[in-house]
Protein backbone atom coordinates (compact mmCIF):
# COMPACT_ATOMS: atom_id res chain seq x y z
CA MET A 1 -0.35 0.04 -0.04
CA VAL A 2 3.11 2.33 0.96
CA ALA A 3 4.39 1.43 -1.97
CA ASP A 4 1.83 1.88 -4.59
CA ALA A 5 1.49 5.83 -2.64
CA ILE A 6 5.17 6.14 -3.48
CA ARG A 7 4.96 4.75 -7.05
CA LYS A 8 1.69 6.99 -7.76
CA ASN A 9 3.95 9.85 -6.51
CA ALA A 10 6.95 9.29 -8.72
CA LEU A 11 5.27 9.39 -11.40
CA ARG A 12 3.20 12.38 -10.72
CA GLU A 13 6.48 14.27 -10.31
CA ALA A 14 7.57 12.49 -13.64
CA GLU A 15 4.66 13.87 -15.23
CA ASP A 16 5.11 17.51 -13.58
CA ILE A 17 8.40 17.23 -15.42
CA LEU A 18 7.54 16.22 -18.59
CA ASN A 19 4.52 19.01 -18.80
CA GLU A 20 7.08 21.63 -17.51
CA LYS A 21 9.62 20.56 -20.08
CA SER A 22 7.04 20.38 -23.14
CA ARG A 23 5.47 23.63 -22.09
CA VAL A 24 9.45 25.45 -21.56
CA LYS A 25 9.67 23.74 -25.25
CA LYS A 26 6.44 25.72 -26.77
CA ASN A 27 6.73 28.77 -25.18
CA ASP A 28 9.68 31.15 -26.72
CA VAL A 29 9.88 33.65 -23.32
CA ALA A 30 10.27 30.59 -21.14
CA ARG A 31 12.37 28.59 -23.44
CA PHE A 32 14.65 32.12 -23.81
CA THR A 33 14.75 32.33 -19.91
CA ALA A 34 15.61 28.78 -19.06
CA GLU A 35 18.64 29.16 -22.08
CA THR A 36 19.83 32.45 -20.73
CA HIS A 37 19.76 30.80 -16.74
CA ILE A 38 21.48 27.56 -18.57
CA GLU A 39 24.04 30.03 -20.29
CA ALA A 40 24.90 32.02 -17.05
CA ALA A 41 25.11 28.48 -14.83
CA ALA A 42 27.69 27.31 -17.05
CA ARG A 43 29.17 30.63 -16.97
CA ILE A 44 29.64 30.69 -13.35
CA LEU A 45 30.68 26.90 -13.61
CA ASN A 46 33.56 28.06 -15.58
CA GLU A 47 34.27 30.86 -13.76
CA ILE A 48 35.17 28.97 -10.20
CA SER A 49 38.42 28.63 -9.14
CA ASP A 50 40.22 25.75 -8.65
CA ASP A 51 40.20 25.50 -5.07
CA PHE A 52 36.10 26.34 -5.04
CA PHE A 53 35.48 22.23 -4.30
CA SER A 54 37.63 21.96 -1.60
CA LYS A 55 36.51 24.45 0.30
CA ILE A 56 33.17 23.63 2.78
CA LYS A 57 29.59 24.53 1.91
CA ALA A 58 28.96 27.74 3.84
CA GLU A 59 32.23 28.96 1.97
CA ARG A 60 31.20 27.82 -1.21
CA LEU A 61 27.67 29.78 -1.04
CA SER A 62 29.27 33.16 -0.03
CA LEU A 63 32.11 33.11 -3.04
CA LEU A 64 28.93 32.08 -5.14
CA GLY A 65 27.15 35.01 -3.74
CA GLU A 66 29.74 37.67 -4.63
CA LYS A 67 29.12 36.78 -8.37
CA GLY A 68 26.04 38.99 -7.97
CA GLU A 69 23.60 36.59 -9.44
CA ASN A 70 20.39 36.94 -8.13
CA THR A 71 17.38 35.36 -10.30
CA VAL A 72 15.61 32.70 -8.44
CA VAL A 73 16.88 29.78 -10.95
CA LEU A 74 20.94 31.35 -10.77
CA ARG A 75 20.27 30.81 -6.35
CA ILE A 76 18.36 27.09 -6.96
CA PHE A 77 21.71 26.32 -8.91
CA ALA A 78 24.13 27.90 -6.80
CA GLU A 79 22.83 26.12 -3.64
CA PHE A 80 23.11 23.00 -6.00
CA LEU A 81 26.57 24.25 -7.34
CA SER A 82 27.71 24.05 -3.24
CA SER A 83 26.60 21.01 -2.73
CA GLY A 84 28.54 18.66 -5.02
CA SER A 85 31.86 18.32 -7.99
CA TYR A 86 32.50 19.50 -10.70
CA ALA A 87 31.84 16.21 -12.78
CA SER A 88 28.20 16.05 -10.90
CA ASN A 89 27.48 19.92 -11.81
CA MET A 90 28.77 19.63 -15.53
CA ARG A 91 26.73 16.64 -15.72
CA ALA A 92 23.80 18.39 -13.91
CA LEU A 93 23.78 21.42 -16.61
CA ILE A 94 24.48 19.37 -19.88
CA GLN A 95 20.90 17.78 -18.70
CA LEU A 96 19.19 20.72 -18.33
CA ALA A 97 20.80 22.40 -21.07
CA ARG A 98 19.33 19.17 -23.38
CA SER A 99 15.92 19.11 -21.63
CA PHE A 100 14.99 22.72 -21.45
CA GLY A 101 17.38 24.21 -24.35
CA SER A 102 17.70 23.18 -28.35
CA PHE A 103 21.11 25.26 -28.25
CA PRO A 104 24.72 23.03 -28.60
CA VAL A 105 26.65 21.54 -25.22
CA ILE A 106 30.44 22.23 -26.33
CA ILE A 107 32.80 20.41 -23.71
CA VAL A 108 36.19 21.43 -24.59
CA GLN A 109 38.77 19.04 -22.53
CA SER A 110 42.57 20.14 -22.11
CA PRO A 111 44.95 18.60 -20.20
CA GLU A 112 45.45 21.62 -17.34
CA LYS A 113 43.27 24.75 -16.70
CA LEU A 114 42.93 27.13 -19.37
CA GLU A 115 43.48 30.62 -18.22
CA PRO A 116 40.16 32.89 -18.34
CA ALA A 117 41.17 34.90 -21.18
CA THR A 118 41.73 31.83 -23.28
CA ARG A 119 38.43 30.38 -22.38
CA GLN A 120 36.59 33.21 -23.13
CA GLN A 121 38.29 33.49 -26.17
CA MET A 122 37.49 30.03 -27.10
CA THR A 123 33.64 30.52 -26.01
CA GLN A 124 33.32 32.95 -28.37
CA LEU A 125 34.96 31.29 -31.47
CA MET A 126 32.66 28.48 -30.96
CA ARG A 127 29.52 30.26 -31.03
CA ALA A 128 27.47 31.41 -34.07
CA PRO A 129 26.09 35.17 -34.23
CA GLY A 130 22.89 34.81 -31.86
CA GLU A 131 22.75 30.58 -31.44
CA PRO A 132 22.68 30.28 -27.72
CA HIS A 133 25.26 27.77 -26.11
CA ILE A 134 26.98 26.41 -23.53
CA VAL A 135 30.57 25.78 -23.26
CA LEU A 136 32.09 23.94 -20.46
CA PHE A 137 35.55 23.16 -19.66
CA GLN A 138 37.47 19.89 -18.33
CA VAL A 139 40.90 19.17 -17.33
CA VAL A 140 41.75 15.76 -18.45
CA PRO A 141 45.45 15.12 -17.33
CA SER A 142 45.99 11.73 -19.40
CA LEU A 143 45.60 14.03 -22.99
CA LEU A 144 49.36 15.15 -22.14
CA GLY A 145 48.98 17.96 -24.78
CA GLY A 146 46.52 19.95 -27.32
CA LEU A 147 42.89 19.26 -26.79
CA ARG A 148 39.74 17.15 -27.40
CA ILE A 149 36.35 19.48 -28.52
CA PHE A 150 32.93 17.02 -28.05
CA ARG A 151 30.24 19.20 -30.09
CA ASP A 152 26.36 17.61 -30.85
CA GLY A 153 27.66 14.01 -30.24
CA ARG A 154 31.35 14.31 -32.29
CA MET A 155 34.38 14.52 -30.93
CA GLN A 156 37.42 16.23 -32.55
CA ASP A 157 40.83 15.08 -31.17
CA GLU A 158 43.65 17.40 -31.25
CA SER A 159 45.41 15.60 -27.88
CA VAL A 160 48.91 14.55 -28.13
CA ARG A 161 47.24 11.46 -26.54
CA GLY A 162 45.04 11.02 -29.51
CA LYS A 163 47.33 11.56 -31.87
CA ILE A 164 49.73 8.71 -30.45
CA THR A 165 47.01 6.18 -30.48
CA GLN A 166 45.99 7.15 -33.94
CA LEU A 167 49.72 6.50 -34.89
CA PHE A 168 49.88 3.19 -32.78
CA GLN A 169 46.55 1.91 -35.02
CA SER A 170 47.97 2.70 -38.21
CA ILE A 171 50.92 0.28 -37.26
């Protein structure tokens, strides 16, 4: 009996989520708002410092509060960001972008953290004019050098590791 109530509640919540996704996708204003918030959340995730995730939750929240993002959605994201790891937040943001947005998610992997100016320049280069998008940066030390870029399910591998792998496969 309790299991049935829990199952019905879960089904109702799932239906509510699907209805909200459908409403946002059909409503241009709601979709634009969702896309704007997702882009802002990606920007915040890319701008946080290296030691951010080693701090306690209260310190994380105060650091995020200094960014001046004051919309309800971004405050909710700040609460979520303050409790997870970079990888879990990146996955959640990608899932949000795919659920509510109709724009590309670009993941740039590098062997070490890129400078903020380099990240900003890369973000501008990958963006089509007027197209909403999110660009997330990920450090993958095993690449050894170069970059690996994922966009729309395709990978462009310009890393040293990728070149070595291609060399061994061609032998």
